Amino acid sequence: KSLGNFYTVTELLEEFPGEALRLALLKTHYRQPLDFTKDGVREAKRELDGLYDALRRATDVDAVEEPSDTDGGLQSFTKALCDDLNTPLALSHLHGRMRNLNLNLRDDSRSKVIARKRDKWLILNMGEWLGLLGQDPEAWFQGADGGAAGIEDSITARNTARAAKDFAEADRIRDELAAQGVVLEDGPGGTTWRRGS
């Protein structure tokens, strides 16, 4: 503590979501020494952003379990956990499934549509086993500290300014939100937002 490298959980939760702390701890096997740093927690937060982003893009996908574990996805995951609680290996299976979901979301062929349903089901179940991904993706990106209504109002004002071709005002609103740590993402479905890392 005298070296200034001591954190309490309460202090860390003021700066980071609890789920990011959990992931940072799970990335090291419980029998190995843990090199805990705030940079490590920031990296865990970015990983969760990627996982939640995949789930957000798959909002319209129904998570469906196959009757049999045809590709061994859940079996490999549970085998890792049964191997002396090897959470780093289990996490690698979770990330692999996220990569599959991201690829399958790009293709609307029948086989990919079926695969993405199973991928989402596996991601949610693996996350549940690890105590991760329990939030709605939008709630994750918008943070738990409130202020969502004000941000939505600012986005509406920005969209109005853009429609009126008042790009200086639209840029001013975007910059104002960025100063608050809010990242705007414009896409074909409209503007979404999330809290920056």
Protein backbone atom coordinates (compact mmCIF):
# COMPACT_ATOMS: atom_id res chain seq x y z
CA LYS A 1 0.00 0.00 0.00
CA SER A 2 2.87 2.38 0.77
CA LEU A 3 4.09 1.95 -2.83
CA GLY A 4 0.81 3.31 -4.17
CA ASN A 5 -0.10 0.10 -6.01
CA PHE A 6 -2.98 -0.93 -3.77
CA TYR A 7 -6.60 -0.67 -4.89
CA THR A 8 -9.80 -1.48 -3.10
CA VAL A 9 -12.70 -2.97 -5.03
CA THR A 10 -14.81 0.07 -4.15
CA GLU A 11 -12.22 2.40 -5.70
CA LEU A 12 -11.97 0.28 -8.84
CA LEU A 13 -15.75 0.15 -9.25
CA GLU A 14 -15.83 3.95 -9.35
CA GLU A 15 -13.63 3.79 -12.46
CA PHE A 16 -14.56 0.49 -14.14
CA PRO A 17 -17.66 -1.70 -14.55
CA GLY A 18 -17.63 -4.73 -12.28
CA GLU A 19 -17.83 -7.04 -15.28
CA ALA A 20 -14.52 -5.68 -16.59
CA LEU A 21 -12.89 -6.43 -13.22
CA ARG A 22 -14.30 -9.96 -13.33
CA LEU A 23 -12.96 -10.56 -16.85
CA ALA A 24 -9.54 -9.17 -15.91
CA LEU A 25 -9.37 -11.71 -13.09
CA LEU A 26 -10.67 -14.61 -15.20
CA LYS A 27 -7.95 -14.09 -17.81
CA THR A 28 -5.36 -15.53 -15.43
CA HIS A 29 -5.59 -19.09 -14.14
CA TYR A 30 -6.31 -19.08 -10.42
CA ARG A 31 -3.11 -21.03 -9.71
CA GLN A 32 -0.92 -18.47 -11.50
CA PRO A 33 0.28 -15.14 -10.10
CA LEU A 34 -1.95 -12.27 -11.17
CA ASP A 35 -0.29 -9.12 -12.51
CA PHE A 36 -3.21 -6.81 -11.86
CA THR A 37 -3.04 -3.40 -13.53
CA LYS A 38 -5.57 -0.77 -14.51
CA ASP A 39 -4.36 -1.17 -18.09
CA GLY A 40 -5.34 -4.84 -17.84
CA VAL A 41 -8.83 -3.84 -16.72
CA ARG A 42 -9.07 -1.34 -19.60
CA GLU A 43 -8.14 -4.14 -22.01
CA ALA A 44 -10.80 -6.38 -20.43
CA LYS A 45 -13.33 -3.56 -20.92
CA ARG A 46 -12.38 -3.35 -24.62
CA GLU A 47 -12.83 -7.13 -24.96
CA LEU A 48 -16.27 -6.87 -23.39
CA ASP A 49 -17.08 -4.01 -25.77
CA GLY A 50 -16.31 -6.38 -28.65
CA LEU A 51 -18.48 -9.14 -27.21
CA TYR A 52 -21.37 -6.83 -26.45
CA ASP A 53 -21.03 -5.24 -29.90
CA ALA A 54 -21.46 -8.65 -31.54
CA LEU A 55 -24.55 -9.27 -29.40
CA ARG A 56 -25.91 -5.81 -30.22
CA ARG A 57 -25.57 -6.49 -33.95
CA ALA A 58 -27.33 -9.82 -33.36
CA THR A 59 -30.25 -8.27 -31.46
CA ASP A 60 -32.76 -9.61 -34.01
CA VAL A 61 -31.23 -13.10 -33.93
CA ASP A 62 -33.07 -15.65 -31.79
CA ALA A 63 -30.65 -17.62 -29.64
CA VAL A 64 -31.43 -21.27 -30.44
CA GLU A 65 -29.79 -24.36 -28.99
CA GLU A 66 -29.22 -27.33 -31.26
CA PRO A 67 -30.44 -30.68 -29.88
CA SER A 68 -26.90 -32.02 -30.16
CA ASP A 69 -23.56 -30.28 -29.76
CA THR A 70 -22.63 -30.84 -33.41
CA ASP A 71 -19.49 -28.70 -33.50
CA GLY A 72 -18.43 -29.40 -29.91
CA GLY A 73 -18.60 -25.72 -28.95
CA LEU A 74 -20.16 -26.14 -25.53
CA GLN A 75 -18.32 -29.40 -24.88
CA SER A 76 -14.91 -27.76 -25.46
CA PHE A 77 -15.87 -24.85 -23.22
CA THR A 78 -17.06 -27.02 -20.34
CA LYS A 79 -14.05 -29.31 -20.75
CA ALA A 80 -11.79 -26.28 -20.19
CA LEU A 81 -13.66 -25.37 -17.00
CA CYS A 82 -13.53 -28.97 -15.78
CA ASP A 83 -9.75 -28.98 -16.34
CA ASP A 84 -8.85 -27.35 -13.02
CA LEU A 85 -11.07 -24.35 -13.80
CA ASN A 86 -9.01 -23.24 -16.81
CA THR A 87 -10.78 -19.92 -17.32
CA PRO A 88 -8.23 -18.54 -19.83
CA LEU A 89 -8.92 -21.49 -22.15
CA ALA A 90 -12.67 -21.18 -21.59
CA LEU A 91 -12.44 -17.49 -22.53
CA SER A 92 -10.61 -18.40 -25.74
CA HIS A 93 -13.60 -20.58 -26.70
CA LEU A 94 -15.93 -17.66 -25.96
CA HIS A 95 -13.88 -15.33 -28.16
CA GLY A 96 -13.77 -17.96 -30.91
CA ARG A 97 -17.55 -18.17 -30.87
CA MET A 98 -17.77 -14.38 -31.07
CA ARG A 99 -15.57 -14.45 -34.19
CA ASN A 100 -17.90 -17.06 -35.71
CA LEU A 101 -20.94 -14.90 -34.93
CA ASN A 102 -19.32 -11.84 -36.51
CA LEU A 103 -18.57 -13.83 -39.68
CA ASN A 104 -22.04 -15.38 -39.81
CA LEU A 105 -23.70 -11.98 -39.42
CA ARG A 106 -22.14 -10.95 -42.76
CA ASP A 107 -23.80 -13.75 -44.73
CA ASP A 108 -27.55 -14.27 -45.08
CA SER A 109 -27.39 -17.77 -46.52
CA ARG A 110 -29.64 -20.29 -44.78
CA SER A 111 -26.75 -22.18 -43.17
CA LYS A 112 -25.26 -18.95 -41.74
CA VAL A 113 -28.63 -17.80 -40.39
CA ILE A 114 -28.94 -21.11 -38.51
CA ALA A 115 -25.31 -20.92 -37.36
CA ARG A 116 -25.67 -17.39 -35.99
CA LYS A 117 -28.62 -18.51 -33.83
CA ARG A 118 -26.49 -21.24 -32.30
CA ASP A 119 -23.48 -18.91 -31.95
CA LYS A 120 -25.55 -16.39 -30.02
CA TRP A 121 -26.96 -19.13 -27.78
CA LEU A 122 -23.44 -20.41 -27.06
CA ILE A 123 -22.05 -16.93 -26.35
CA LEU A 124 -24.85 -16.17 -23.90
CA ASN A 125 -24.47 -19.54 -22.15
CA MET A 126 -20.69 -19.35 -21.95
CA GLY A 127 -21.01 -15.82 -20.63
CA GLU A 128 -23.51 -16.93 -18.01
CA TRP A 129 -21.17 -19.68 -16.79
CA LEU A 130 -18.41 -17.07 -16.38
CA GLY A 131 -20.63 -14.36 -14.92
CA LEU A 132 -20.28 -12.22 -18.04
CA LEU A 133 -22.57 -10.73 -20.71
CA GLY A 134 -25.59 -10.56 -18.44
CA GLN A 135 -26.56 -7.03 -19.48
CA ASP A 136 -28.52 -5.80 -22.42
CA PRO A 137 -25.92 -4.65 -24.98
CA GLU A 138 -27.39 -1.14 -25.20
CA ALA A 139 -27.28 -0.80 -21.41
CA TRP A 140 -23.63 -1.91 -21.45
CA PHE A 141 -22.58 0.73 -23.96
CA GLN A 142 -24.62 3.49 -22.37
CA GLY A 143 -23.26 2.86 -18.89
CA ALA A 144 -25.05 2.58 -15.61
CA ASP A 145 -24.61 6.17 -14.44
CA GLY A 146 -27.72 7.52 -16.10
CA GLY A 147 -27.95 10.58 -18.29
CA ALA A 148 -29.28 8.56 -21.22
CA ALA A 149 -32.27 10.86 -21.77
CA GLY A 150 -30.04 13.93 -22.09
CA ILE A 151 -27.74 12.15 -24.50
CA GLU A 152 -30.71 11.02 -26.61
CA ASP A 153 -31.94 14.62 -26.70
CA SER A 154 -28.51 15.79 -27.89
CA ILE A 155 -28.47 13.11 -30.60
CA THR A 156 -31.93 14.22 -31.76
CA ALA A 157 -30.73 17.85 -31.89
CA ARG A 158 -27.64 16.74 -33.83
CA ASN A 159 -29.73 14.78 -36.32
CA THR A 160 -32.01 17.80 -36.79
CA ALA A 161 -28.96 19.99 -37.43
CA ARG A 162 -27.59 17.47 -39.94
CA ALA A 163 -30.94 17.33 -41.77
CA ALA A 164 -30.90 21.15 -41.98
CA LYS A 165 -27.30 20.94 -43.29
CA ASP A 166 -26.07 22.88 -40.25
CA PHE A 167 -22.91 20.78 -40.00
CA ALA A 168 -21.15 23.22 -37.68
CA GLU A 169 -23.87 22.72 -35.06
CA ALA A 170 -23.90 18.95 -35.63
CA ASP A 171 -20.13 18.84 -35.13
CA ARG A 172 -20.39 21.01 -32.01
CA ILE A 173 -22.91 18.59 -30.46
CA ARG A 174 -20.75 15.59 -31.39
CA ASP A 175 -17.70 17.25 -29.81
CA GLU A 176 -19.69 18.15 -26.70
CA LEU A 177 -20.78 14.52 -26.30
CA ALA A 178 -17.24 13.29 -26.98
CA ALA A 179 -16.00 15.52 -24.14
CA GLN A 180 -18.46 13.68 -21.88
CA GLY A 181 -17.00 10.35 -23.02
CA VAL A 182 -19.89 9.52 -25.37
CA VAL A 183 -18.98 7.98 -28.72
CA LEU A 184 -21.52 8.34 -31.53
CA GLU A 185 -21.77 5.72 -34.27
CA ASP A 186 -23.72 6.66 -37.40
CA GLY A 187 -25.06 3.76 -39.43
CA PRO A 188 -27.84 2.86 -41.85
CA GLY A 189 -30.21 2.25 -38.92
CA GLY A 190 -29.53 5.66 -37.36
CA THR A 191 -27.18 6.91 -34.68
CA THR A 192 -26.22 4.73 -31.72
CA TRP A 193 -24.02 5.72 -28.82
CA ARG A 194 -21.83 4.19 -26.18
CA ARG A 195 -19.59 5.28 -23.40
CA GLY A 196 -15.95 5.49 -24.49
CA SER A 197 -13.26 3.33 -22.92
